[in-house]
Amino acid sequence: MKPLSALLSFLTMLLCYAALGKASGPVLSCCLKTSGTRVKLHLLQSYQLQNGVMCHGLNAVRFTTVRGVTICSDPSMPWARRAVSYLQKKHKSQSRNHVSSWDSKRLKPTMPENSASSAKLVSH
């Protein structure tokens, strides 16, 4: 009975240790420094603003390119401001042109023309 008790104690301690080491919430990915790298605006896919309070005291804009490359820029730089403005306009126009399937005001049911089944549906 002693070996079983020792094994249970060990497993309990192991579970407690694993629970303590588990991260709570998402892991932040922070820029450690900014660079003067500039790319053509159409190659940018998205951006995130980095708060200096949460990330090593550094305010930054994290740009992601269409190829998945991350560029960390100083948010006060003119290029970074233009890039953020460009991405905001790009995403706004994309969301405006998107029609949701549940938007019943824009969607109209269509019936095939000149088919025997549509004639049967119309006549009673």
PDB file of N, CA and C in Angstrom:
ATOM      1  N   MET A   1       0.815  -1.183   0.000  1.00  0.00           N
ATOM      2  CA  MET A   1       0.000   0.000   0.000  1.00  0.00           C
ATOM      3  C   MET A   1       0.867   1.257   0.000  1.00  0.00           C
ATOM      4  N   LYS A   2       2.050   1.201   0.591  1.00  0.00           N
ATOM      5  CA  LYS A   2       2.944   2.360   0.637  1.00  0.00           C
ATOM      6  C   LYS A   2       3.378   2.804  -0.757  1.00  0.00           C
ATOM      7  N   PRO A   3       3.768   1.894  -1.669  1.00  0.00           N
ATOM      8  CA  PRO A   3       4.179   2.343  -3.004  1.00  0.00           C
ATOM      9  C   PRO A   3       3.033   3.040  -3.751  1.00  0.00           C
ATOM     10  N   LEU A   4       1.807   2.553  -3.579  1.00  0.00           N
ATOM     11  CA  LEU A   4       0.662   3.166  -4.234  1.00  0.00           C
ATOM     12  C   LEU A   4       0.423   4.580  -3.699  1.00  0.00           C
ATOM     13  N   SER A   5       0.553   4.744  -2.396  1.00  0.00           N
ATOM     14  CA  SER A   5       0.386   6.055  -1.773  1.00  0.00           C
ATOM     15  C   SER A   5       1.466   7.026  -2.253  1.00  0.00           C
ATOM     16  N   ALA A   6       2.693   6.553  -2.357  1.00  0.00           N
ATOM     17  CA  ALA A   6       3.791   7.400  -2.832  1.00  0.00           C
ATOM     18  C   ALA A   6       3.569   7.799  -4.290  1.00  0.00           C
ATOM     19  N   LEU A   7       3.082   6.870  -5.096  1.00  0.00           N
ATOM     20  CA  LEU A   7       2.817   7.151  -6.499  1.00  0.00           C
ATOM     21  C   LEU A   7       1.708   8.192  -6.644  1.00  0.00           C
ATOM     22  N   LEU A   8       0.644   8.059  -5.873  1.00  0.00           N
ATOM     23  CA  LEU A   8      -0.453   9.023  -5.917  1.00  0.00           C
ATOM     24  C   LEU A   8       0.013  10.409  -5.473  1.00  0.00           C
ATOM     25  N   SER A   9       0.843  10.459  -4.446  1.00  0.00           N
ATOM     26  CA  SER A   9       1.380  11.745  -3.989  1.00  0.00           C
ATOM     27  C   SER A   9       2.233  12.395  -5.077  1.00  0.00           C
ATOM     28  N   PHE A  10       3.061  11.593  -5.724  1.00  0.00           N
ATOM     29  CA  PHE A  10       3.911  12.101  -6.796  1.00  0.00           C
ATOM     30  C   PHE A  10       3.070  12.636  -7.960  1.00  0.00           C
ATOM     31  N   LEU A  11       2.053  11.885  -8.364  1.00  0.00           N
ATOM     32  CA  LEU A  11       1.198  12.316  -9.466  1.00  0.00           C
ATOM     33  C   LEU A  11       0.425  13.590  -9.116  1.00  0.00           C
ATOM     34  N   THR A  12      -0.011  13.710  -7.875  1.00  0.00           N
ATOM     35  CA  THR A  12      -0.713  14.913  -7.434  1.00  0.00           C
ATOM     36  C   THR A  12       0.205  16.125  -7.503  1.00  0.00           C
ATOM     37  N   MET A  13       1.442  15.964  -7.035  1.00  0.00           N
ATOM     38  CA  MET A  13       2.408  17.065  -7.098  1.00  0.00           C
ATOM     39  C   MET A  13       2.715  17.431  -8.550  1.00  0.00           C
ATOM     40  N   LEU A  14       2.812  16.433  -9.408  1.00  0.00           N
ATOM     41  CA  LEU A  14       3.093  16.672 -10.819  1.00  0.00           C
ATOM     42  C   LEU A  14       1.957  17.459 -11.477  1.00  0.00           C
ATOM     43  N   LEU A  15       0.723  17.106 -11.163  1.00  0.00           N
ATOM     44  CA  LEU A  15      -0.428  17.832 -11.697  1.00  0.00           C
ATOM     45  C   LEU A  15      -0.453  19.280 -11.209  1.00  0.00           C
ATOM     46  N   CYS A  16      -0.159  19.481  -9.939  1.00  0.00           N
ATOM     47  CA  CYS A  16      -0.126  20.845  -9.393  1.00  0.00           C
ATOM     48  C   CYS A  16       0.959  21.672 -10.064  1.00  0.00           C
ATOM     49  N   TYR A  17       2.106  21.092 -10.281  1.00  0.00           N
ATOM     50  CA  TYR A  17       3.208  21.787 -10.932  1.00  0.00           C
ATOM     51  C   TYR A  17       2.841  22.152 -12.368  1.00  0.00           C
ATOM     52  N   ALA A  18       2.209  21.221 -13.085  1.00  0.00           N
ATOM     53  CA  ALA A  18       1.811  21.477 -14.473  1.00  0.00           C
ATOM     54  C   ALA A  18       0.774  22.592 -14.538  1.00  0.00           C
ATOM     55  N   ALA A  19      -0.148  22.623 -13.575  1.00  0.00           N
ATOM     56  CA  ALA A  19      -1.183  23.659 -13.564  1.00  0.00           C
ATOM     57  C   ALA A  19      -0.582  25.033 -13.284  1.00  0.00           C
ATOM     58  N   LEU A  20       0.434  25.103 -12.442  1.00  0.00           N
ATOM     59  CA  LEU A  20       1.072  26.386 -12.135  1.00  0.00           C
ATOM     60  C   LEU A  20       1.857  26.925 -13.319  1.00  0.00           C
ATOM     61  N   GLY A  21       2.444  26.047 -14.097  1.00  0.00           N
ATOM     62  CA  GLY A  21       3.257  26.460 -15.233  1.00  0.00           C
ATOM     63  C   GLY A  21       2.446  26.830 -16.450  1.00  0.00           C
ATOM     64  N   LYS A  22       1.169  26.569 -16.430  1.00  0.00           N
ATOM     65  CA  LYS A  22       0.304  26.837 -17.572  1.00  0.00           C
ATOM     66  C   LYS A  22       0.061  28.340 -17.706  1.00  0.00           C
ATOM     67  N   ALA A  23       0.187  28.861 -18.925  1.00  0.00           N
ATOM     68  CA  ALA A  23      -0.045  30.286 -19.176  1.00  0.00           C
ATOM     69  C   ALA A  23      -1.530  30.590 -19.085  1.00  0.00           C
ATOM     70  N   SER A  24      -1.842  31.718 -18.510  1.00  0.00           N
ATOM     71  CA  SER A  24      -3.239  32.124 -18.438  1.00  0.00           C
ATOM     72  C   SER A  24      -3.474  33.234 -19.448  1.00  0.00           C
ATOM     73  N   GLY A  25      -4.204  32.939 -20.503  1.00  0.00           N
ATOM     74  CA  GLY A  25      -4.495  33.916 -21.532  1.00  0.00           C
ATOM     75  C   GLY A  25      -3.507  33.831 -22.678  1.00  0.00           C
ATOM     76  N   PRO A  26      -3.725  34.652 -23.696  1.00  0.00           N
ATOM     77  CA  PRO A  26      -2.853  34.618 -24.864  1.00  0.00           C
ATOM     78  C   PRO A  26      -1.472  35.194 -24.561  1.00  0.00           C
ATOM     79  N   VAL A  27      -0.492  34.669 -25.248  1.00  0.00           N
ATOM     80  CA  VAL A  27       0.877  35.150 -25.094  1.00  0.00           C
ATOM     81  C   VAL A  27       1.062  36.355 -26.014  1.00  0.00           C
ATOM     82  N   LEU A  28       1.582  37.441 -25.473  1.00  0.00           N
ATOM     83  CA  LEU A  28       1.802  38.642 -26.267  1.00  0.00           C
ATOM     84  C   LEU A  28       3.080  38.516 -27.074  1.00  0.00           C
ATOM     85  N   SER A  29       3.013  38.937 -28.305  1.00  0.00           N
ATOM     86  CA  SER A  29       4.191  39.002 -29.146  1.00  0.00           C
ATOM     87  C   SER A  29       4.529  40.477 -29.301  1.00  0.00           C
ATOM     88  N   CYS A  30       5.669  40.872 -28.780  1.00  0.00           N
ATOM     89  CA  CYS A  30       6.022  42.290 -28.734  1.00  0.00           C
ATOM     90  C   CYS A  30       7.231  42.597 -29.609  1.00  0.00           C
ATOM     91  N   CYS A  31       7.228  43.801 -30.161  1.00  0.00           N
ATOM     92  CA  CYS A  31       8.410  44.313 -30.850  1.00  0.00           C
ATOM     93  C   CYS A  31       9.416  44.743 -29.787  1.00  0.00           C
ATOM     94  N   LEU A  32      10.650  44.348 -29.940  1.00  0.00           N
ATOM     95  CA  LEU A  32      11.695  44.757 -29.007  1.00  0.00           C
ATOM     96  C   LEU A  32      12.349  46.060 -29.446  1.00  0.00           C
ATOM     97  N   LYS A  33      12.252  46.350 -30.765  1.00  0.00           N
ATOM     98  CA  LYS A  33      12.767  47.607 -31.301  1.00  0.00           C
ATOM     99  C   LYS A  33      12.023  47.906 -32.598  1.00  0.00           C
ATOM    100  N   THR A  34      12.088  49.156 -33.016  1.00  0.00           N
ATOM    101  CA  THR A  34      11.466  49.530 -34.282  1.00  0.00           C
ATOM    102  C   THR A  34      12.547  49.688 -35.338  1.00  0.00           C
ATOM    103  N   SER A  35      12.119  49.561 -36.596  1.00  0.00           N
ATOM    104  CA  SER A  35      13.075  49.725 -37.689  1.00  0.00           C
ATOM    105  C   SER A  35      12.535  50.753 -38.672  1.00  0.00           C
ATOM    106  N   GLY A  36      13.386  51.223 -39.531  1.00  0.00           N
ATOM    107  CA  GLY A  36      12.996  52.185 -40.559  1.00  0.00           C
ATOM    108  C   GLY A  36      12.575  51.507 -41.852  1.00  0.00           C
ATOM    109  N   THR A  37      12.330  50.198 -41.793  1.00  0.00           N
ATOM    110  CA  THR A  37      11.944  49.448 -42.985  1.00  0.00           C
ATOM    111  C   THR A  37      10.619  49.960 -43.534  1.00  0.00           C
ATOM    112  N   ARG A  38      10.605  50.187 -44.841  1.00  0.00           N
ATOM    113  CA  ARG A  38       9.380  50.608 -45.517  1.00  0.00           C
ATOM    114  C   ARG A  38       9.123  49.635 -46.656  1.00  0.00           C
ATOM    115  N   VAL A  39       7.872  49.290 -46.844  1.00  0.00           N
ATOM    116  CA  VAL A  39       7.491  48.456 -47.981  1.00  0.00           C
ATOM    117  C   VAL A  39       6.373  49.173 -48.730  1.00  0.00           C
ATOM    118  N   LYS A  40       6.119  48.744 -49.946  1.00  0.00           N
ATOM    119  CA  LYS A  40       5.010  49.322 -50.703  1.00  0.00           C
ATOM    120  C   LYS A  40       3.716  48.994 -49.975  1.00  0.00           C
ATOM    121  N   LEU A  41       2.828  49.966 -49.909  1.00  0.00           N
ATOM    122  CA  LEU A  41       1.618  49.825 -49.108  1.00  0.00           C
ATOM    123  C   LEU A  41       0.751  48.650 -49.538  1.00  0.00           C
ATOM    124  N   HIS A  42       0.693  48.362 -50.834  1.00  0.00           N
ATOM    125  CA  HIS A  42      -0.157  47.259 -51.284  1.00  0.00           C
ATOM    126  C   HIS A  42       0.355  45.890 -50.825  1.00  0.00           C
ATOM    127  N   LEU A  43       1.576  45.834 -50.304  1.00  0.00           N
ATOM    128  CA  LEU A  43       2.121  44.573 -49.787  1.00  0.00           C
ATOM    129  C   LEU A  43       1.761  44.343 -48.319  1.00  0.00           C
ATOM    130  N   LEU A  44       1.127  45.328 -47.687  1.00  0.00           N
ATOM    131  CA  LEU A  44       0.729  45.192 -46.284  1.00  0.00           C
ATOM    132  C   LEU A  44      -0.638  44.527 -46.184  1.00  0.00           C
ATOM    133  N   GLN A  45      -0.765  43.647 -45.200  1.00  0.00           N
ATOM    134  CA  GLN A  45      -2.033  42.947 -44.997  1.00  0.00           C
ATOM    135  C   GLN A  45      -2.785  43.462 -43.773  1.00  0.00           C
ATOM    136  N   SER A  46      -2.067  43.691 -42.667  1.00  0.00           N
ATOM    137  CA  SER A  46      -2.734  44.121 -41.438  1.00  0.00           C
ATOM    138  C   SER A  46      -1.739  44.850 -40.538  1.00  0.00           C
ATOM    139  N   TYR A  47      -2.281  45.400 -39.446  1.00  0.00           N
ATOM    140  CA  TYR A  47      -1.429  46.060 -38.458  1.00  0.00           C
ATOM    141  C   TYR A  47      -2.031  45.887 -37.074  1.00  0.00           C
ATOM    142  N   GLN A  48      -1.175  46.025 -36.057  1.00  0.00           N
ATOM    143  CA  GLN A  48      -1.591  46.025 -34.656  1.00  0.00           C
ATOM    144  C   GLN A  48      -0.812  47.116 -33.948  1.00  0.00           C
ATOM    145  N   LEU A  49      -1.495  47.843 -33.081  1.00  0.00           N
ATOM    146  CA  LEU A  49      -0.811  48.850 -32.275  1.00  0.00           C
ATOM    147  C   LEU A  49      -0.277  48.187 -31.018  1.00  0.00           C
ATOM    148  N   GLN A  50       0.978  48.424 -30.714  1.00  0.00           N
ATOM    149  CA  GLN A  50       1.609  47.855 -29.524  1.00  0.00           C
ATOM    150  C   GLN A  50       1.686  48.922 -28.449  1.00  0.00           C
ATOM    151  N   ASN A  51       1.144  48.613 -27.297  1.00  0.00           N
ATOM    152  CA  ASN A  51       1.137  49.522 -26.156  1.00  0.00           C
ATOM    153  C   ASN A  51       2.426  49.345 -25.364  1.00  0.00           C
ATOM    154  N   GLY A  52       3.115  50.426 -25.104  1.00  0.00           N
ATOM    155  CA  GLY A  52       4.372  50.365 -24.369  1.00  0.00           C
ATOM    156  C   GLY A  52       4.230  49.848 -22.955  1.00  0.00           C
ATOM    157  N   VAL A  53       3.060  50.026 -22.352  1.00  0.00           N
ATOM    158  CA  VAL A  53       2.843  49.540 -20.988  1.00  0.00           C
ATOM    159  C   VAL A  53       2.904  48.016 -20.958  1.00  0.00           C
ATOM    160  N   MET A  54       2.365  47.380 -21.985  1.00  0.00           N
ATOM    161  CA  MET A  54       2.307  45.921 -22.022  1.00  0.00           C
ATOM    162  C   MET A  54       3.573  45.287 -22.597  1.00  0.00           C
ATOM    163  N   CYS A  55       4.336  46.040 -23.377  1.00  0.00           N
ATOM    164  CA  CYS A  55       5.460  45.454 -24.113  1.00  0.00           C
ATOM    165  C   CYS A  55       6.749  46.249 -23.947  1.00  0.00           C
ATOM    166  N   HIS A  56       7.438  46.028 -22.882  1.00  0.00           N
ATOM    167  CA  HIS A  56       8.803  46.538 -22.686  1.00  0.00           C
ATOM    168  C   HIS A  56       8.927  48.056 -22.809  1.00  0.00           C
ATOM    169  N   GLY A  57       7.862  48.791 -22.604  1.00  0.00           N
ATOM    170  CA  GLY A  57       7.919  50.245 -22.672  1.00  0.00           C
ATOM    171  C   GLY A  57       8.057  50.807 -24.075  1.00  0.00           C
ATOM    172  N   LEU A  58       7.816  49.990 -25.105  1.00  0.00           N
ATOM    173  CA  LEU A  58       7.998  50.431 -26.485  1.00  0.00           C
ATOM    174  C   LEU A  58       6.651  50.519 -27.199  1.00  0.00           C
ATOM    175  N   ASN A  59       6.283  51.735 -27.592  1.00  0.00           N
ATOM    176  CA  ASN A  59       5.112  51.908 -28.451  1.00  0.00           C
ATOM    177  C   ASN A  59       5.545  51.614 -29.876  1.00  0.00           C
ATOM    178  N   ALA A  60       4.743  50.824 -30.588  1.00  0.00           N
ATOM    179  CA  ALA A  60       5.097  50.457 -31.957  1.00  0.00           C
ATOM    180  C   ALA A  60       3.841  50.094 -32.735  1.00  0.00           C
ATOM    181  N   VAL A  61       3.999  50.044 -34.052  1.00  0.00           N
ATOM    182  CA  VAL A  61       2.974  49.504 -34.939  1.00  0.00           C
ATOM    183  C   VAL A  61       3.568  48.252 -35.557  1.00  0.00           C
ATOM    184  N   ARG A  62       2.866  47.136 -35.372  1.00  0.00           N
ATOM    185  CA  ARG A  62       3.318  45.853 -35.935  1.00  0.00           C
ATOM    186  C   ARG A  62       2.566  45.613 -37.240  1.00  0.00           C
ATOM    187  N   PHE A  63       3.261  45.753 -38.364  1.00  0.00           N
ATOM    188  CA  PHE A  63       2.661  45.502 -39.671  1.00  0.00           C
ATOM    189  C   PHE A  63       2.944  44.064 -40.073  1.00  0.00           C
ATOM    190  N   THR A  64       1.968  43.439 -40.710  1.00  0.00           N
ATOM    191  CA  THR A  64       2.153  42.108 -41.269  1.00  0.00           C
ATOM    192  C   THR A  64       1.966  42.219 -42.777  1.00  0.00           C
ATOM    193  N   THR A  65       2.937  41.698 -43.528  1.00  0.00           N
ATOM    194  CA  THR A  65       2.861  41.757 -44.985  1.00  0.00           C
ATOM    195  C   THR A  65       2.048  40.580 -45.508  1.00  0.00           C
ATOM    196  N   VAL A  66       1.754  40.606 -46.802  1.00  0.00           N
ATOM    197  CA  VAL A  66       0.994  39.516 -47.413  1.00  0.00           C
ATOM    198  C   VAL A  66       1.766  38.198 -47.354  1.00  0.00           C
ATOM    199  N   ARG A  67       3.062  38.261 -47.184  1.00  0.00           N
ATOM    200  CA  ARG A  67       3.879  37.046 -47.049  1.00  0.00           C
ATOM    201  C   ARG A  67       4.071  36.614 -45.598  1.00  0.00           C
ATOM    202  N   GLY A  68       3.470  37.353 -44.660  1.00  0.00           N
ATOM    203  CA  GLY A  68       3.546  36.979 -43.255  1.00  0.00           C
ATOM    204  C   GLY A  68       4.729  37.550 -42.495  1.00  0.00           C
ATOM    205  N   VAL A  69       5.466  38.462 -43.102  1.00  0.00           N
ATOM    206  CA  VAL A  69       6.614  39.087 -42.448  1.00  0.00           C
ATOM    207  C   VAL A  69       6.110  40.201 -41.530  1.00  0.00           C
ATOM    208  N   THR A  70       6.667  40.284 -40.317  1.00  0.00           N
ATOM    209  CA  THR A  70       6.294  41.327 -39.366  1.00  0.00           C
ATOM    210  C   THR A  70       7.319  42.453 -39.411  1.00  0.00           C
ATOM    211  N   ILE A  71       6.811  43.677 -39.498  1.00  0.00           N
ATOM    212  CA  ILE A  71       7.658  44.871 -39.497  1.00  0.00           C
ATOM    213  C   ILE A  71       7.224  45.736 -38.323  1.00  0.00           C
ATOM    214  N   CYS A  72       8.166  46.083 -37.470  1.00  0.00           N
ATOM    215  CA  CYS A  72       7.883  46.935 -36.311  1.00  0.00           C
ATOM    216  C   CYS A  72       8.313  48.361 -36.636  1.00  0.00           C
ATOM    217  N   SER A  73       7.350  49.287 -36.558  1.00  0.00           N
ATOM    218  CA  SER A  73       7.629  50.682 -36.913  1.00  0.00           C
ATOM    219  C   SER A  73       7.267  51.619 -35.777  1.00  0.00           C
ATOM    220  N   ASP A  74       7.932  52.757 -35.771  1.00  0.00           N
ATOM    221  CA  ASP A  74       7.622  53.819 -34.816  1.00  0.00           C
ATOM    222  C   ASP A  74       6.306  54.467 -35.253  1.00  0.00           C
ATOM    223  N   PRO A  75       5.286  54.494 -34.392  1.00  0.00           N
ATOM    224  CA  PRO A  75       3.985  55.034 -34.791  1.00  0.00           C
ATOM    225  C   PRO A  75       3.991  56.531 -35.096  1.00  0.00           C
ATOM    226  N   SER A  76       5.033  57.242 -34.704  1.00  0.00           N
ATOM    227  CA  SER A  76       5.090  58.679 -34.987  1.00  0.00           C
ATOM    228  C   SER A  76       5.713  58.980 -36.353  1.00  0.00           C
ATOM    229  N   MET A  77       6.265  57.978 -37.019  1.00  0.00           N
ATOM    230  CA  MET A  77       6.898  58.191 -38.321  1.00  0.00           C
ATOM    231  C   MET A  77       5.840  58.381 -39.411  1.00  0.00           C
ATOM    232  N   PRO A  78       6.089  59.288 -40.362  1.00  0.00           N
ATOM    233  CA  PRO A  78       5.109  59.552 -41.426  1.00  0.00           C
ATOM    234  C   PRO A  78       4.723  58.306 -42.230  1.00  0.00           C
ATOM    235  N   TRP A  79       5.701  57.446 -42.559  1.00  0.00           N
ATOM    236  CA  TRP A  79       5.371  56.247 -43.330  1.00  0.00           C
ATOM    237  C   TRP A  79       4.421  55.345 -42.555  1.00  0.00           C
ATOM    238  N   ALA A  80       4.652  55.176 -41.267  1.00  0.00           N
ATOM    239  CA  ALA A  80       3.789  54.316 -40.450  1.00  0.00           C
ATOM    240  C   ALA A  80       2.371  54.877 -40.398  1.00  0.00           C
ATOM    241  N   ARG A  81       2.250  56.183 -40.288  1.00  0.00           N
ATOM    242  CA  ARG A  81       0.921  56.818 -40.262  1.00  0.00           C
ATOM    243  C   ARG A  81       0.190  56.616 -41.587  1.00  0.00           C
ATOM    244  N   ARG A  82       0.921  56.787 -42.704  1.00  0.00           N
ATOM    245  CA  ARG A  82       0.307  56.563 -44.019  1.00  0.00           C
ATOM    246  C   ARG A  82      -0.120  55.109 -44.172  1.00  0.00           C
ATOM    247  N   ALA A  83       0.715  54.193 -43.701  1.00  0.00           N
ATOM    248  CA  ALA A  83       0.413  52.767 -43.832  1.00  0.00           C
ATOM    249  C   ALA A  83      -0.818  52.386 -43.011  1.00  0.00           C
ATOM    250  N   VAL A  84      -0.932  52.906 -41.804  1.00  0.00           N
ATOM    251  CA  VAL A  84      -2.105  52.630 -40.964  1.00  0.00           C
ATOM    252  C   VAL A  84      -3.359  53.179 -41.635  1.00  0.00           C
ATOM    253  N   SER A  85      -3.282  54.397 -42.148  1.00  0.00           N
ATOM    254  CA  SER A  85      -4.421  55.010 -42.833  1.00  0.00           C
ATOM    255  C   SER A  85      -4.824  54.190 -44.058  1.00  0.00           C
ATOM    256  N   TYR A  86      -3.839  53.738 -44.822  1.00  0.00           N
ATOM    257  CA  TYR A  86      -4.094  52.916 -46.004  1.00  0.00           C
ATOM    258  C   TYR A  86      -4.819  51.627 -45.623  1.00  0.00           C
ATOM    259  N   LEU A  87      -4.336  50.949 -44.581  1.00  0.00           N
ATOM    260  CA  LEU A  87      -4.948  49.684 -44.167  1.00  0.00           C
ATOM    261  C   LEU A  87      -6.354  49.894 -43.611  1.00  0.00           C
ATOM    262  N   GLN A  88      -6.573  50.988 -42.896  1.00  0.00           N
ATOM    263  CA  GLN A  88      -7.918  51.278 -42.392  1.00  0.00           C
ATOM    264  C   GLN A  88      -8.894  51.473 -43.548  1.00  0.00           C
ATOM    265  N   LYS A  89      -8.490  52.228 -44.562  1.00  0.00           N
ATOM    266  CA  LYS A  89      -9.352  52.448 -45.731  1.00  0.00           C
ATOM    267  C   LYS A  89      -9.569  51.148 -46.497  1.00  0.00           C
ATOM    268  N   LYS A  90      -8.521  50.360 -46.622  1.00  0.00           N
ATOM    269  CA  LYS A  90      -8.610  49.095 -47.352  1.00  0.00           C
ATOM    270  C   LYS A  90      -9.601  48.154 -46.670  1.00  0.00           C
ATOM    271  N   HIS A  91      -9.503  48.017 -45.366  1.00  0.00           N
ATOM    272  CA  HIS A  91     -10.395  47.116 -44.640  1.00  0.00           C
ATOM    273  C   HIS A  91     -11.820  47.657 -44.578  1.00  0.00           C
ATOM    274  N   LYS A  92     -11.966  48.971 -44.521  1.00  0.00           N
ATOM    275  CA  LYS A  92     -13.303  49.567 -44.498  1.00  0.00           C
ATOM    276  C   LYS A  92     -14.013  49.308 -45.823  1.00  0.00           C
ATOM    277  N   SER A  93     -13.297  49.464 -46.944  1.00  0.00           N
ATOM    278  CA  SER A  93     -13.925  49.245 -48.248  1.00  0.00           C
ATOM    279  C   SER A  93     -14.225  47.769 -48.468  1.00  0.00           C
ATOM    280  N   GLN A  94     -13.387  46.876 -47.952  1.00  0.00           N
ATOM    281  CA  GLN A  94     -13.647  45.446 -48.090  1.00  0.00           C
ATOM    282  C   GLN A  94     -14.877  45.046 -47.300  1.00  0.00           C
ATOM    283  N   SER A  95     -15.036  45.575 -46.092  1.00  0.00           N
ATOM    284  CA  SER A  95     -16.189  45.202 -45.278  1.00  0.00           C
ATOM    285  C   SER A  95     -17.466  45.818 -45.838  1.00  0.00           C
ATOM    286  N   ARG A  96     -17.381  46.955 -46.497  1.00  0.00           N
ATOM    287  CA  ARG A  96     -18.554  47.595 -47.090  1.00  0.00           C
ATOM    288  C   ARG A  96     -19.042  46.798 -48.299  1.00  0.00           C
ATOM    289  N   ASN A  97     -18.132  46.185 -49.055  1.00  0.00           N
ATOM    290  CA  ASN A  97     -18.508  45.432 -50.245  1.00  0.00           C
ATOM    291  C   ASN A  97     -18.911  44.001 -49.933  1.00  0.00           C
ATOM    292  N   HIS A  98     -18.721  43.561 -48.714  1.00  0.00           N
ATOM    293  CA  HIS A  98     -19.039  42.189 -48.328  1.00  0.00           C
ATOM    294  C   HIS A  98     -20.531  42.067 -48.039  1.00  0.00           C
ATOM    295  N   VAL A  99     -21.191  41.097 -48.663  1.00  0.00           N
ATOM    296  CA  VAL A  99     -22.610  40.845 -48.410  1.00  0.00           C
ATOM    297  C   VAL A  99     -22.712  39.574 -47.587  1.00  0.00           C
ATOM    298  N   SER A 100     -23.308  39.683 -46.429  1.00  0.00           N
ATOM    299  CA  SER A 100     -23.482  38.520 -45.572  1.00  0.00           C
ATOM    300  C   SER A 100     -24.636  37.675 -46.081  1.00  0.00           C
ATOM    301  N   SER A 101     -24.550  36.379 -45.873  1.00  0.00           N
ATOM    302  CA  SER A 101     -25.608  35.489 -46.335  1.00  0.00           C
ATOM    303  C   SER A 101     -26.900  35.704 -45.569  1.00  0.00           C
ATOM    304  N   TRP A 102     -26.841  36.280 -44.380  1.00  0.00           N
ATOM    305  CA  TRP A 102     -28.046  36.500 -43.587  1.00  0.00           C
ATOM    306  C   TRP A 102     -28.684  37.853 -43.846  1.00  0.00           C
ATOM    307  N   ASP A 103     -28.107  38.653 -44.724  1.00  0.00           N
ATOM    308  CA  ASP A 103     -28.648  39.978 -45.015  1.00  0.00           C
ATOM    309  C   ASP A 103     -29.810  39.833 -45.996  1.00  0.00           C
ATOM    310  N   SER A 104     -31.017  39.671 -45.477  1.00  0.00           N
ATOM    311  CA  SER A 104     -32.177  39.381 -46.316  1.00  0.00           C
ATOM    312  C   SER A 104     -32.615  40.573 -47.152  1.00  0.00           C
ATOM    313  N   LYS A 105     -32.230  41.790 -46.788  1.00  0.00           N
ATOM    314  CA  LYS A 105     -32.636  42.961 -47.564  1.00  0.00           C
ATOM    315  C   LYS A 105     -31.916  43.014 -48.906  1.00  0.00           C
ATOM    316  N   ARG A 106     -30.689  42.508 -48.955  1.00  0.00           N
ATOM    317  CA  ARG A 106     -29.922  42.570 -50.195  1.00  0.00           C
ATOM    318  C   ARG A 106     -30.085  41.311 -51.039  1.00  0.00           C
ATOM    319  N   LEU A 107     -30.409  40.208 -50.400  1.00  0.00           N
ATOM    320  CA  LEU A 107     -30.504  38.951 -51.127  1.00  0.00           C
ATOM    321  C   LEU A 107     -31.924  38.731 -51.611  1.00  0.00           C
ATOM    322  N   LYS A 108     -32.066  38.340 -52.858  1.00  0.00           N
ATOM    323  CA  LYS A 108     -33.376  38.037 -53.416  1.00  0.00           C
ATOM    324  C   LYS A 108     -33.337  36.610 -53.935  1.00  0.00           C
ATOM    325  N   PRO A 109     -34.367  35.826 -53.660  1.00  0.00           N
ATOM    326  CA  PRO A 109     -34.376  34.462 -54.186  1.00  0.00           C
ATOM    327  C   PRO A 109     -34.499  34.491 -55.704  1.00  0.00           C
ATOM    328  N   THR A 110     -33.816  33.598 -56.342  1.00  0.00           N
ATOM    329  CA  THR A 110     -33.887  33.523 -57.797  1.00  0.00           C
ATOM    330  C   THR A 110     -34.500  32.202 -58.202  1.00  0.00           C
ATOM    331  N   MET A 111     -35.291  32.236 -59.237  1.00  0.00           N
ATOM    332  CA  MET A 111     -35.925  31.039 -59.781  1.00  0.00           C
ATOM    333  C   MET A 111     -35.408  30.859 -61.197  1.00  0.00           C
ATOM    334  N   PRO A 112     -35.170  29.636 -61.604  1.00  0.00           N
ATOM    335  CA  PRO A 112     -34.724  29.422 -62.980  1.00  0.00           C
ATOM    336  C   PRO A 112     -35.839  29.786 -63.958  1.00  0.00           C
ATOM    337  N   GLU A 113     -35.481  30.506 -65.006  1.00  0.00           N
ATOM    338  CA  GLU A 113     -36.458  30.882 -66.017  1.00  0.00           C
ATOM    339  C   GLU A 113     -36.617  29.747 -67.012  1.00  0.00           C
ATOM    340  N   ASN A 114     -37.797  29.649 -67.604  1.00  0.00           N
ATOM    341  CA  ASN A 114     -38.084  28.670 -68.651  1.00  0.00           C
ATOM    342  C   ASN A 114     -37.877  27.235 -68.196  1.00  0.00           C
ATOM    343  N   SER A 115     -38.235  26.893 -66.986  1.00  0.00           N
ATOM    344  CA  SER A 115     -38.131  25.503 -66.561  1.00  0.00           C
ATOM    345  C   SER A 115     -39.511  25.003 -66.193  1.00  0.00           C
ATOM    346  N   ALA A 116     -39.729  23.739 -66.370  1.00  0.00           N
ATOM    347  CA  ALA A 116     -41.032  23.136 -66.090  1.00  0.00           C
ATOM    348  C   ALA A 116     -41.353  23.196 -64.608  1.00  0.00           C
ATOM    349  N   SER A 117     -40.330  23.059 -63.758  1.00  0.00           N
ATOM    350  CA  SER A 117     -40.576  23.077 -62.317  1.00  0.00           C
ATOM    351  C   SER A 117     -41.047  24.440 -61.850  1.00  0.00           C
ATOM    352  N   SER A 118     -40.544  25.532 -62.453  1.00  0.00           N
ATOM    353  CA  SER A 118     -40.991  26.856 -62.034  1.00  0.00           C
ATOM    354  C   SER A 118     -42.421  27.110 -62.483  1.00  0.00           C
ATOM    355  N   ALA A 119     -42.813  26.568 -63.609  1.00  0.00           N
ATOM    356  CA  ALA A 119     -44.190  26.731 -64.076  1.00  0.00           C
ATOM    357  C   ALA A 119     -45.150  26.015 -63.140  1.00  0.00           C
ATOM    358  N   LYS A 120     -44.756  24.853 -62.627  1.00  0.00           N
ATOM    359  CA  LYS A 120     -45.607  24.108 -61.698  1.00  0.00           C
ATOM    360  C   LYS A 120     -45.764  24.865 -60.384  1.00  0.00           C
ATOM    361  N   LEU A 121     -44.714  25.546 -59.948  1.00  0.00           N
ATOM    362  CA  LEU A 121     -44.778  26.271 -58.688  1.00  0.00           C
ATOM    363  C   LEU A 121     -45.695  27.480 -58.784  1.00  0.00           C
ATOM    364  N   VAL A 122     -45.736  28.115 -59.944  1.00  0.00           N
ATOM    365  CA  VAL A 122     -46.523  29.325 -60.104  1.00  0.00           C
ATOM    366  C   VAL A 122     -48.005  29.005 -60.257  1.00  0.00           C
ATOM    367  N   SER A 123     -48.350  27.964 -61.027  1.00  0.00           N
ATOM    368  CA  SER A 123     -49.763  27.656 -61.267  1.00  0.00           C
ATOM    369  C   SER A 123     -50.325  26.783 -60.158  1.00  0.00           C
ATOM    370  N   HIS A 124     -51.579  27.034 -59.766  1.00  0.00           N
ATOM    371  CA  HIS A 124     -52.229  26.248 -58.715  1.00  0.00           C
ATOM    372  C   HIS A 124     -53.392  25.524 -59.278  1.00  0.00           C
TER     373      HIS A 124
END
